[in-house]
PDB file of N, CA and C in Angstrom:
ATOM      1  N   MET A   1       7.039  -4.372   3.538  1.00  0.00           N
ATOM      2  CA  MET A   1       6.289  -3.564   4.462  1.00  0.00           C
ATOM      3  C   MET A   1       5.129  -4.403   5.012  1.00  0.00           C
ATOM      4  N   THR A   2       4.985  -4.421   6.307  1.00  0.00           N
ATOM      5  CA  THR A   2       3.880  -5.122   6.944  1.00  0.00           C
ATOM      6  C   THR A   2       2.826  -4.103   7.336  1.00  0.00           C
ATOM      7  N   VAL A   3       1.620  -4.292   6.851  1.00  0.00           N
ATOM      8  CA  VAL A   3       0.524  -3.365   7.124  1.00  0.00           C
ATOM      9  C   VAL A   3      -0.594  -4.152   7.807  1.00  0.00           C
ATOM     10  N   PRO A   4      -1.083  -3.699   8.970  1.00  0.00           N
ATOM     11  CA  PRO A   4      -2.151  -4.427   9.659  1.00  0.00           C
ATOM     12  C   PRO A   4      -3.539  -4.108   9.104  1.00  0.00           C
ATOM     13  N   TRP A   5      -3.840  -4.697   7.941  1.00  0.00           N
ATOM     14  CA  TRP A   5      -5.148  -4.495   7.330  1.00  0.00           C
ATOM     15  C   TRP A   5      -6.213  -5.215   8.137  1.00  0.00           C
ATOM     16  N   THR A   6      -7.443  -4.710   8.087  1.00  0.00           N
ATOM     17  CA  THR A   6      -8.606  -5.456   8.544  1.00  0.00           C
ATOM     18  C   THR A   6      -9.557  -5.509   7.357  1.00  0.00           C
ATOM     19  N   GLY A   7     -10.376  -6.526   7.334  1.00  0.00           N
ATOM     20  CA  GLY A   7     -11.289  -6.706   6.214  1.00  0.00           C
ATOM     21  C   GLY A   7     -11.719  -8.150   6.130  1.00  0.00           C
ATOM     22  N   PHE A   8     -11.748  -8.686   4.915  1.00  0.00           N
ATOM     23  CA  PHE A   8     -12.206 -10.055   4.732  1.00  0.00           C
ATOM     24  C   PHE A   8     -11.568 -10.660   3.488  1.00  0.00           C
ATOM     25  N   PRO A   9     -11.482 -12.004   3.451  1.00  0.00           N
ATOM     26  CA  PRO A   9     -10.896 -12.671   2.286  1.00  0.00           C
ATOM     27  C   PRO A   9     -11.724 -12.395   1.033  1.00  0.00           C
ATOM     28  N   MET A  10     -11.054 -12.151  -0.075  1.00  0.00           N
ATOM     29  CA  MET A  10     -11.765 -11.910  -1.322  1.00  0.00           C
ATOM     30  C   MET A  10     -12.564 -13.145  -1.736  1.00  0.00           C
ATOM     31  N   LYS A  11     -12.098 -14.324  -1.350  1.00  0.00           N
ATOM     32  CA  LYS A  11     -12.834 -15.560  -1.664  1.00  0.00           C
ATOM     33  C   LYS A  11     -14.249 -15.499  -1.118  1.00  0.00           C
ATOM     34  N   ALA A  12     -14.436 -14.936   0.077  1.00  0.00           N
ATOM     35  CA  ALA A  12     -15.785 -14.810   0.653  1.00  0.00           C
ATOM     36  C   ALA A  12     -16.668 -13.935  -0.233  1.00  0.00           C
ATOM     37  N   PHE A  13     -16.096 -12.872  -0.790  1.00  0.00           N
ATOM     38  CA  PHE A  13     -16.848 -11.984  -1.684  1.00  0.00           C
ATOM     39  C   PHE A  13     -17.195 -12.706  -2.981  1.00  0.00           C
ATOM     40  N   VAL A  14     -16.229 -13.420  -3.551  1.00  0.00           N
ATOM     41  CA  VAL A  14     -16.475 -14.154  -4.798  1.00  0.00           C
ATOM     42  C   VAL A  14     -17.543 -15.219  -4.566  1.00  0.00           C
ATOM     43  N   ASP A  15     -17.455 -15.926  -3.445  1.00  0.00           N
ATOM     44  CA  ASP A  15     -18.465 -16.946  -3.135  1.00  0.00           C
ATOM     45  C   ASP A  15     -19.849 -16.324  -2.990  1.00  0.00           C
ATOM     46  N   LEU A  16     -19.924 -15.158  -2.364  1.00  0.00           N
ATOM     47  CA  LEU A  16     -21.202 -14.460  -2.196  1.00  0.00           C
ATOM     48  C   LEU A  16     -21.787 -14.037  -3.546  1.00  0.00           C
ATOM     49  N   ALA A  17     -20.916 -13.620  -4.463  1.00  0.00           N
ATOM     50  CA  ALA A  17     -21.354 -13.169  -5.793  1.00  0.00           C
ATOM     51  C   ALA A  17     -21.784 -14.334  -6.687  1.00  0.00           C
ATOM     52  N   ARG A  18     -21.326 -15.525  -6.404  1.00  0.00           N
ATOM     53  CA  ARG A  18     -21.650 -16.722  -7.183  1.00  0.00           C
ATOM     54  C   ARG A  18     -21.463 -16.507  -8.686  1.00  0.00           C
ATOM     55  N   PRO A  19     -20.218 -16.317  -9.117  1.00  0.00           N
ATOM     56  CA  PRO A  19     -19.991 -16.107 -10.550  1.00  0.00           C
ATOM     57  C   PRO A  19     -20.353 -17.342 -11.370  1.00  0.00           C
ATOM     58  N   LEU A  20     -20.655 -17.119 -12.623  1.00  0.00           N
ATOM     59  CA  LEU A  20     -20.954 -18.223 -13.530  1.00  0.00           C
ATOM     60  C   LEU A  20     -19.737 -19.135 -13.642  1.00  0.00           C
ATOM     61  N   ALA A  21     -19.970 -20.385 -13.937  1.00  0.00           N
ATOM     62  CA  ALA A  21     -18.879 -21.348 -14.070  1.00  0.00           C
ATOM     63  C   ALA A  21     -17.889 -20.937 -15.160  1.00  0.00           C
ATOM     64  N   ALA A  22     -18.364 -20.217 -16.172  1.00  0.00           N
ATOM     65  CA  ALA A  22     -17.501 -19.783 -17.277  1.00  0.00           C
ATOM     66  C   ALA A  22     -16.662 -18.545 -16.924  1.00  0.00           C
ATOM     67  N   ALA A  23     -16.932 -17.911 -15.793  1.00  0.00           N
ATOM     68  CA  ALA A  23     -16.183 -16.697 -15.420  1.00  0.00           C
ATOM     69  C   ALA A  23     -14.712 -17.023 -15.212  1.00  0.00           C
ATOM     70  N   ARG A  24     -13.852 -16.168 -15.749  1.00  0.00           N
ATOM     71  CA  ARG A  24     -12.411 -16.374 -15.631  1.00  0.00           C
ATOM     72  C   ARG A  24     -11.727 -15.261 -14.853  1.00  0.00           C
ATOM     73  N   TYR A  25     -12.360 -14.110 -14.731  1.00  0.00           N
ATOM     74  CA  TYR A  25     -11.734 -12.943 -14.100  1.00  0.00           C
ATOM     75  C   TYR A  25     -12.709 -12.222 -13.181  1.00  0.00           C
ATOM     76  N   VAL A  26     -12.141 -11.471 -12.253  1.00  0.00           N
ATOM     77  CA  VAL A  26     -12.890 -10.514 -11.442  1.00  0.00           C
ATOM     78  C   VAL A  26     -12.332  -9.150 -11.818  1.00  0.00           C
ATOM     79  N   GLU A  27     -13.193  -8.281 -12.308  1.00  0.00           N
ATOM     80  CA  GLU A  27     -12.776  -6.926 -12.701  1.00  0.00           C
ATOM     81  C   GLU A  27     -13.250  -5.954 -11.632  1.00  0.00           C
ATOM     82  N   MET A  28     -12.375  -5.020 -11.269  1.00  0.00           N
ATOM     83  CA  MET A  28     -12.696  -4.002 -10.275  1.00  0.00           C
ATOM     84  C   MET A  28     -12.507  -2.624 -10.886  1.00  0.00           C
ATOM     85  N   GLN A  29     -13.281  -1.666 -10.397  1.00  0.00           N
ATOM     86  CA  GLN A  29     -13.189  -0.295 -10.894  1.00  0.00           C
ATOM     87  C   GLN A  29     -13.103   0.652  -9.706  1.00  0.00           C
ATOM     88  N   THR A  30     -12.274   1.669  -9.852  1.00  0.00           N
ATOM     89  CA  THR A  30     -12.040   2.619  -8.780  1.00  0.00           C
ATOM     90  C   THR A  30     -13.006   3.799  -8.816  1.00  0.00           C
ATOM     91  N   PHE A  31     -13.047   4.520  -7.730  1.00  0.00           N
ATOM     92  CA  PHE A  31     -13.830   5.745  -7.576  1.00  0.00           C
ATOM     93  C   PHE A  31     -13.487   6.712  -8.706  1.00  0.00           C
ATOM     94  N   PHE A  32     -14.493   7.374  -9.251  1.00  0.00           N
ATOM     95  CA  PHE A  32     -14.270   8.343 -10.321  1.00  0.00           C
ATOM     96  C   PHE A  32     -15.164   9.551 -10.099  1.00  0.00           C
ATOM     97  N   ASP A  33     -14.553  10.675  -9.774  1.00  0.00           N
ATOM     98  CA  ASP A  33     -15.268  11.933  -9.580  1.00  0.00           C
ATOM     99  C   ASP A  33     -14.286  13.069  -9.852  1.00  0.00           C
ATOM    100  N   PRO A  34     -14.189  13.530 -11.106  1.00  0.00           N
ATOM    101  CA  PRO A  34     -13.224  14.574 -11.458  1.00  0.00           C
ATOM    102  C   PRO A  34     -13.417  15.880 -10.680  1.00  0.00           C
ATOM    103  N   GLU A  35     -14.630  16.141 -10.196  1.00  0.00           N
ATOM    104  CA  GLU A  35     -14.847  17.358  -9.404  1.00  0.00           C
ATOM    105  C   GLU A  35     -14.122  17.265  -8.068  1.00  0.00           C
ATOM    106  N   ALA A  36     -14.148  16.093  -7.447  1.00  0.00           N
ATOM    107  CA  ALA A  36     -13.482  15.898  -6.161  1.00  0.00           C
ATOM    108  C   ALA A  36     -11.999  15.562  -6.333  1.00  0.00           C
ATOM    109  N   MET A  37     -11.645  14.959  -7.454  1.00  0.00           N
ATOM    110  CA  MET A  37     -10.279  14.507  -7.711  1.00  0.00           C
ATOM    111  C   MET A  37      -9.783  15.148  -9.003  1.00  0.00           C
ATOM    112  N   PRO A  38      -9.231  16.363  -8.937  1.00  0.00           N
ATOM    113  CA  PRO A  38      -8.816  17.079 -10.154  1.00  0.00           C
ATOM    114  C   PRO A  38      -7.840  16.303 -11.031  1.00  0.00           C
ATOM    115  N   GLY A  39      -7.033  15.430 -10.450  1.00  0.00           N
ATOM    116  CA  GLY A  39      -6.097  14.640 -11.247  1.00  0.00           C
ATOM    117  C   GLY A  39      -6.794  13.717 -12.230  1.00  0.00           C
ATOM    118  N   GLN A  40      -8.040  13.400 -11.969  1.00  0.00           N
ATOM    119  CA  GLN A  40      -8.786  12.533 -12.879  1.00  0.00           C
ATOM    120  C   GLN A  40      -9.261  13.266 -14.124  1.00  0.00           C
ATOM    121  N   ARG A  41      -8.998  14.554 -14.203  1.00  0.00           N
ATOM    122  CA  ARG A  41      -9.355  15.326 -15.408  1.00  0.00           C
ATOM    123  C   ARG A  41      -8.290  15.221 -16.497  1.00  0.00           C
ATOM    124  N   GLN A  42      -7.171  14.611 -16.191  1.00  0.00           N
ATOM    125  CA  GLN A  42      -6.081  14.509 -17.151  1.00  0.00           C
ATOM    126  C   GLN A  42      -6.539  13.748 -18.394  1.00  0.00           C
ATOM    127  N   PRO A  43      -6.346  14.306 -19.569  1.00  0.00           N
ATOM    128  CA  PRO A  43      -6.821  13.647 -20.789  1.00  0.00           C
ATOM    129  C   PRO A  43      -5.969  12.456 -21.219  1.00  0.00           C
ATOM    130  N   TRP A  44      -4.775  12.334 -20.670  1.00  0.00           N
ATOM    131  CA  TRP A  44      -3.862  11.279 -21.108  1.00  0.00           C
ATOM    132  C   TRP A  44      -4.082   9.955 -20.396  1.00  0.00           C
ATOM    133  N   TYR A  45      -4.973   9.895 -19.392  1.00  0.00           N
ATOM    134  CA  TYR A  45      -5.237   8.623 -18.707  1.00  0.00           C
ATOM    135  C   TYR A  45      -6.730   8.319 -18.771  1.00  0.00           C
ATOM    136  N   PRO A  46      -7.103   7.118 -19.154  1.00  0.00           N
ATOM    137  CA  PRO A  46      -8.522   6.776 -19.317  1.00  0.00           C
ATOM    138  C   PRO A  46      -9.204   6.389 -17.999  1.00  0.00           C
ATOM    139  N   TRP A  47      -9.544   7.390 -17.173  1.00  0.00           N
ATOM    140  CA  TRP A  47     -10.247   7.107 -15.915  1.00  0.00           C
ATOM    141  C   TRP A  47     -11.644   6.587 -16.210  1.00  0.00           C
ATOM    142  N   PRO A  48     -12.257   5.782 -15.351  1.00  0.00           N
ATOM    143  CA  PRO A  48     -11.778   5.308 -14.067  1.00  0.00           C
ATOM    144  C   PRO A  48     -10.783   4.160 -14.225  1.00  0.00           C
ATOM    145  N   TYR A  49      -9.917   4.023 -13.227  1.00  0.00           N
ATOM    146  CA  TYR A  49      -8.912   2.975 -13.220  1.00  0.00           C
ATOM    147  C   TYR A  49      -9.579   1.625 -12.987  1.00  0.00           C
ATOM    148  N   GLY A  50      -9.133   0.637 -13.697  1.00  0.00           N
ATOM    149  CA  GLY A  50      -9.647  -0.717 -13.527  1.00  0.00           C
ATOM    150  C   GLY A  50      -8.518  -1.700 -13.333  1.00  0.00           C
ATOM    151  N   GLU A  51      -8.791  -2.749 -12.624  1.00  0.00           N
ATOM    152  CA  GLU A  51      -7.806  -3.801 -12.389  1.00  0.00           C
ATOM    153  C   GLU A  51      -8.549  -5.127 -12.347  1.00  0.00           C
ATOM    154  N   GLY A  52      -7.879  -6.194 -12.642  1.00  0.00           N
ATOM    155  CA  GLY A  52      -8.515  -7.500 -12.628  1.00  0.00           C
ATOM    156  C   GLY A  52      -7.620  -8.578 -12.063  1.00  0.00           C
ATOM    157  N   LEU A  53      -8.251  -9.610 -11.576  1.00  0.00           N
ATOM    158  CA  LEU A  53      -7.560 -10.815 -11.108  1.00  0.00           C
ATOM    159  C   LEU A  53      -8.232 -12.010 -11.775  1.00  0.00           C
ATOM    160  N   THR A  54      -7.485 -13.067 -11.982  1.00  0.00           N
ATOM    161  CA  THR A  54      -8.128 -14.298 -12.418  1.00  0.00           C
ATOM    162  C   THR A  54      -8.958 -14.820 -11.249  1.00  0.00           C
ATOM    163  N   ILE A  55      -9.916 -15.670 -11.540  1.00  0.00           N
ATOM    164  CA  ILE A  55     -10.721 -16.275 -10.467  1.00  0.00           C
ATOM    165  C   ILE A  55      -9.812 -17.016  -9.492  1.00  0.00           C
ATOM    166  N   GLU A  56      -8.790 -17.674 -10.006  1.00  0.00           N
ATOM    167  CA  GLU A  56      -7.863 -18.399  -9.129  1.00  0.00           C
ATOM    168  C   GLU A  56      -7.136 -17.449  -8.190  1.00  0.00           C
ATOM    169  N   GLU A  57      -6.677 -16.303  -8.710  1.00  0.00           N
ATOM    170  CA  GLU A  57      -6.015 -15.315  -7.857  1.00  0.00           C
ATOM    171  C   GLU A  57      -6.988 -14.723  -6.842  1.00  0.00           C
ATOM    172  N   ALA A  58      -8.201 -14.418  -7.288  1.00  0.00           N
ATOM    173  CA  ALA A  58      -9.194 -13.794  -6.418  1.00  0.00           C
ATOM    174  C   ALA A  58      -9.627 -14.710  -5.279  1.00  0.00           C
ATOM    175  N   THR A  59      -9.591 -16.007  -5.504  1.00  0.00           N
ATOM    176  CA  THR A  59     -10.017 -16.953  -4.471  1.00  0.00           C
ATOM    177  C   THR A  59      -8.840 -17.537  -3.690  1.00  0.00           C
ATOM    178  N   SER A  60      -7.646 -17.041  -3.938  1.00  0.00           N
ATOM    179  CA  SER A  60      -6.477 -17.456  -3.165  1.00  0.00           C
ATOM    180  C   SER A  60      -6.671 -17.053  -1.707  1.00  0.00           C
ATOM    181  N   GLU A  61      -6.140 -17.845  -0.802  1.00  0.00           N
ATOM    182  CA  GLU A  61      -6.271 -17.504   0.623  1.00  0.00           C
ATOM    183  C   GLU A  61      -5.516 -16.236   0.993  1.00  0.00           C
ATOM    184  N   LEU A  62      -4.674 -15.721   0.096  1.00  0.00           N
ATOM    185  CA  LEU A  62      -3.918 -14.502   0.369  1.00  0.00           C
ATOM    186  C   LEU A  62      -4.566 -13.236  -0.189  1.00  0.00           C
ATOM    187  N   ALA A  63      -5.574 -13.374  -1.062  1.00  0.00           N
ATOM    188  CA  ALA A  63      -6.260 -12.195  -1.615  1.00  0.00           C
ATOM    189  C   ALA A  63      -7.231 -11.677  -0.563  1.00  0.00           C
ATOM    190  N   PHE A  64      -7.202 -10.359  -0.354  1.00  0.00           N
ATOM    191  CA  PHE A  64      -7.899  -9.766   0.780  1.00  0.00           C
ATOM    192  C   PHE A  64      -8.518  -8.431   0.378  1.00  0.00           C
ATOM    193  N   LEU A  65      -9.736  -8.165   0.831  1.00  0.00           N
ATOM    194  CA  LEU A  65     -10.364  -6.868   0.623  1.00  0.00           C
ATOM    195  C   LEU A  65     -10.303  -6.116   1.947  1.00  0.00           C
ATOM    196  N   ALA A  66      -9.545  -5.042   1.958  1.00  0.00           N
ATOM    197  CA  ALA A  66      -9.325  -4.278   3.181  1.00  0.00           C
ATOM    198  C   ALA A  66     -10.419  -3.242   3.376  1.00  0.00           C
ATOM    199  N   THR A  67     -10.917  -3.182   4.607  1.00  0.00           N
ATOM    200  CA  THR A  67     -11.899  -2.178   5.011  1.00  0.00           C
ATOM    201  C   THR A  67     -11.356  -1.296   6.132  1.00  0.00           C
ATOM    202  N   GLY A  68     -10.172  -1.659   6.639  1.00  0.00           N
ATOM    203  CA  GLY A  68      -9.570  -0.895   7.724  1.00  0.00           C
ATOM    204  C   GLY A  68      -8.071  -1.077   7.766  1.00  0.00           C
ATOM    205  N   ILE A  69      -7.434  -0.242   8.573  1.00  0.00           N
ATOM    206  CA  ILE A  69      -5.984  -0.276   8.731  1.00  0.00           C
ATOM    207  C   ILE A  69      -5.648   0.237  10.133  1.00  0.00           C
ATOM    208  N   TYR A  70      -4.695  -0.412  10.775  1.00  0.00           N
ATOM    209  CA  TYR A  70      -4.273  -0.034  12.129  1.00  0.00           C
ATOM    210  C   TYR A  70      -5.451   0.011  13.099  1.00  0.00           C
ATOM    211  N   GLY A  71      -6.407  -0.928  12.944  1.00  0.00           N
ATOM    212  CA  GLY A  71      -7.523  -1.039  13.862  1.00  0.00           C
ATOM    213  C   GLY A  71      -8.618  -0.005  13.696  1.00  0.00           C
ATOM    214  N   LYS A  72      -8.564   0.781  12.637  1.00  0.00           N
ATOM    215  CA  LYS A  72      -9.568   1.813  12.389  1.00  0.00           C
ATOM    216  C   LYS A  72     -10.130   1.646  10.977  1.00  0.00           C
ATOM    217  N   PRO A  73     -11.298   2.233  10.694  1.00  0.00           N
ATOM    218  CA  PRO A  73     -11.837   2.177   9.327  1.00  0.00           C
ATOM    219  C   PRO A  73     -10.847   2.775   8.328  1.00  0.00           C
ATOM    220  N   LEU A  74     -10.865   2.246   7.149  1.00  0.00           N
ATOM    221  CA  LEU A  74      -9.958   2.688   6.094  1.00  0.00           C
ATOM    222  C   LEU A  74     -10.244   4.136   5.713  1.00  0.00           C
ATOM    223  N   PRO A  75      -9.264   5.047   5.886  1.00  0.00           N
ATOM    224  CA  PRO A  75      -9.483   6.435   5.476  1.00  0.00           C
ATOM    225  C   PRO A  75      -9.363   6.582   3.954  1.00  0.00           C
ATOM    226  N   LYS A  76      -9.882   7.675   3.438  1.00  0.00           N
ATOM    227  CA  LYS A  76      -9.849   7.915   1.995  1.00  0.00           C
ATOM    228  C   LYS A  76      -8.438   7.844   1.432  1.00  0.00           C
ATOM    229  N   GLN A  77      -7.459   8.409   2.132  1.00  0.00           N
ATOM    230  CA  GLN A  77      -6.100   8.426   1.599  1.00  0.00           C
ATOM    231  C   GLN A  77      -5.472   7.031   1.541  1.00  0.00           C
ATOM    232  N   ASN A  78      -6.077   6.056   2.213  1.00  0.00           N
ATOM    233  CA  ASN A  78      -5.584   4.687   2.146  1.00  0.00           C
ATOM    234  C   ASN A  78      -6.465   3.789   1.283  1.00  0.00           C
ATOM    235  N   GLY A  79      -7.464   4.380   0.607  1.00  0.00           N
ATOM    236  CA  GLY A  79      -8.237   3.622  -0.370  1.00  0.00           C
ATOM    237  C   GLY A  79      -9.654   3.270   0.006  1.00  0.00           C
ATOM    238  N   ALA A  80     -10.286   3.996   0.935  1.00  0.00           N
ATOM    239  CA  ALA A  80     -11.679   3.714   1.305  1.00  0.00           C
ATOM    240  C   ALA A  80     -12.567   3.818   0.067  1.00  0.00           C
ATOM    241  N   PRO A  81     -13.635   3.077  -0.033  1.00  0.00           N
ATOM    242  CA  PRO A  81     -14.225   2.200   0.969  1.00  0.00           C
ATOM    243  C   PRO A  81     -13.622   0.796   0.990  1.00  0.00           C
ATOM    244  N   LEU A  82     -13.110   0.322  -0.130  1.00  0.00           N
ATOM    245  CA  LEU A  82     -12.473  -0.996  -0.222  1.00  0.00           C
ATOM    246  C   LEU A  82     -11.153  -0.880  -0.961  1.00  0.00           C
ATOM    247  N   ARG A  83     -10.210  -1.666  -0.510  1.00  0.00           N
ATOM    248  CA  ARG A  83      -8.905  -1.701  -1.163  1.00  0.00           C
ATOM    249  C   ARG A  83      -8.498  -3.164  -1.297  1.00  0.00           C
ATOM    250  N   LEU A  84      -7.950  -3.504  -2.428  1.00  0.00           N
ATOM    251  CA  LEU A  84      -7.473  -4.859  -2.663  1.00  0.00           C
ATOM    252  C   LEU A  84      -6.072  -5.015  -2.097  1.00  0.00           C
ATOM    253  N   ALA A  85      -5.834  -6.122  -1.425  1.00  0.00           N
ATOM    254  CA  ALA A  85      -4.491  -6.448  -0.936  1.00  0.00           C
ATOM    255  C   ALA A  85      -4.128  -7.834  -1.462  1.00  0.00           C
ATOM    256  N   VAL A  86      -3.174  -7.877  -2.365  1.00  0.00           N
ATOM    257  CA  VAL A  86      -2.647  -9.140  -2.903  1.00  0.00           C
ATOM    258  C   VAL A  86      -1.124  -9.070  -2.799  1.00  0.00           C
ATOM    259  N   PRO A  87      -0.581  -9.315  -1.610  1.00  0.00           N
ATOM    260  CA  PRO A  87       0.839  -9.080  -1.357  1.00  0.00           C
ATOM    261  C   PRO A  87       1.795  -9.894  -2.225  1.00  0.00           C
ATOM    262  N   TRP A  88       1.416 -11.100  -2.631  1.00  0.00           N
ATOM    263  CA  TRP A  88       2.316 -11.905  -3.456  1.00  0.00           C
ATOM    264  C   TRP A  88       2.424 -11.361  -4.875  1.00  0.00           C
ATOM    265  N   LYS A  89       1.441 -10.581  -5.300  1.00  0.00           N
ATOM    266  CA  LYS A  89       1.422 -10.092  -6.674  1.00  0.00           C
ATOM    267  C   LYS A  89       1.897  -8.647  -6.780  1.00  0.00           C
ATOM    268  N   TYR A  90       1.391  -7.782  -5.904  1.00  0.00           N
ATOM    269  CA  TYR A  90       1.675  -6.355  -6.013  1.00  0.00           C
ATOM    270  C   TYR A  90       2.395  -5.765  -4.811  1.00  0.00           C
ATOM    271  N   GLY A  91       2.569  -6.524  -3.745  1.00  0.00           N
ATOM    272  CA  GLY A  91       3.114  -5.930  -2.534  1.00  0.00           C
ATOM    273  C   GLY A  91       2.111  -4.938  -1.985  1.00  0.00           C
ATOM    274  N   PHE A  92       2.528  -3.711  -1.755  1.00  0.00           N
ATOM    275  CA  PHE A  92       1.658  -2.685  -1.190  1.00  0.00           C
ATOM    276  C   PHE A  92       0.771  -2.047  -2.256  1.00  0.00           C
ATOM    277  N   LYS A  93       1.169  -2.174  -3.541  1.00  0.00           N
ATOM    278  CA  LYS A  93       0.412  -1.534  -4.616  1.00  0.00           C
ATOM    279  C   LYS A  93      -0.751  -2.417  -5.049  1.00  0.00           C
ATOM    280  N   SER A  94      -1.917  -1.827  -5.145  1.00  0.00           N
ATOM    281  CA  SER A  94      -3.100  -2.515  -5.661  1.00  0.00           C
ATOM    282  C   SER A  94      -4.207  -1.482  -5.833  1.00  0.00           C
ATOM    283  N   ILE A  95      -5.303  -1.892  -6.430  1.00  0.00           N
ATOM    284  CA  ILE A  95      -6.407  -0.957  -6.663  1.00  0.00           C
ATOM    285  C   ILE A  95      -6.986  -0.468  -5.334  1.00  0.00           C
ATOM    286  N   LYS A  96      -7.286   0.801  -5.305  1.00  0.00           N
ATOM    287  CA  LYS A  96      -7.834   1.433  -4.105  1.00  0.00           C
ATOM    288  C   LYS A  96      -9.188   2.047  -4.444  1.00  0.00           C
ATOM    289  N   SER A  97      -9.947   2.357  -3.406  1.00  0.00           N
ATOM    290  CA  SER A  97     -11.251   3.012  -3.556  1.00  0.00           C
ATOM    291  C   SER A  97     -12.143   2.256  -4.557  1.00  0.00           C
ATOM    292  N   ILE A  98     -12.270   0.963  -4.344  1.00  0.00           N
ATOM    293  CA  ILE A  98     -13.076   0.119  -5.235  1.00  0.00           C
ATOM    294  C   ILE A  98     -14.552   0.441  -5.029  1.00  0.00           C
ATOM    295  N   VAL A  99     -15.236   0.732  -6.112  1.00  0.00           N
ATOM    296  CA  VAL A  99     -16.664   1.032  -6.044  1.00  0.00           C
ATOM    297  C   VAL A  99     -17.506   0.097  -6.924  1.00  0.00           C
ATOM    298  N   ARG A 100     -16.848  -0.703  -7.753  1.00  0.00           N
ATOM    299  CA  ARG A 100     -17.605  -1.595  -8.654  1.00  0.00           C
ATOM    300  C   ARG A 100     -16.790  -2.873  -8.923  1.00  0.00           C
ATOM    301  N   PHE A 101     -17.527  -4.001  -8.981  1.00  0.00           N
ATOM    302  CA  PHE A 101     -16.930  -5.284  -9.348  1.00  0.00           C
ATOM    303  C   PHE A 101     -17.640  -5.800 -10.564  1.00  0.00           C
TER     304      PHE A 101
END
């Protein structure tokens, strides 16, 4: 599936954050609000959802943080405010609604 994401390379974000030389991973955490998202009240899943990439994966020229889709800002149902796009690793599936790194 080809999706016309807009946003910026994750490498630019990692460079801006200036991780310590010993850092090996970038950890991301998704939006968590059980009042707004009733599915997050399920006791069998440990919300909030987290995902990680190695520093090498995060700084790959193919790792991308999406802020928009089809020329418009990213809507909530597509993972606003930020969504990770790593097509070589997950295809269309990746963490959505990123609120913490």
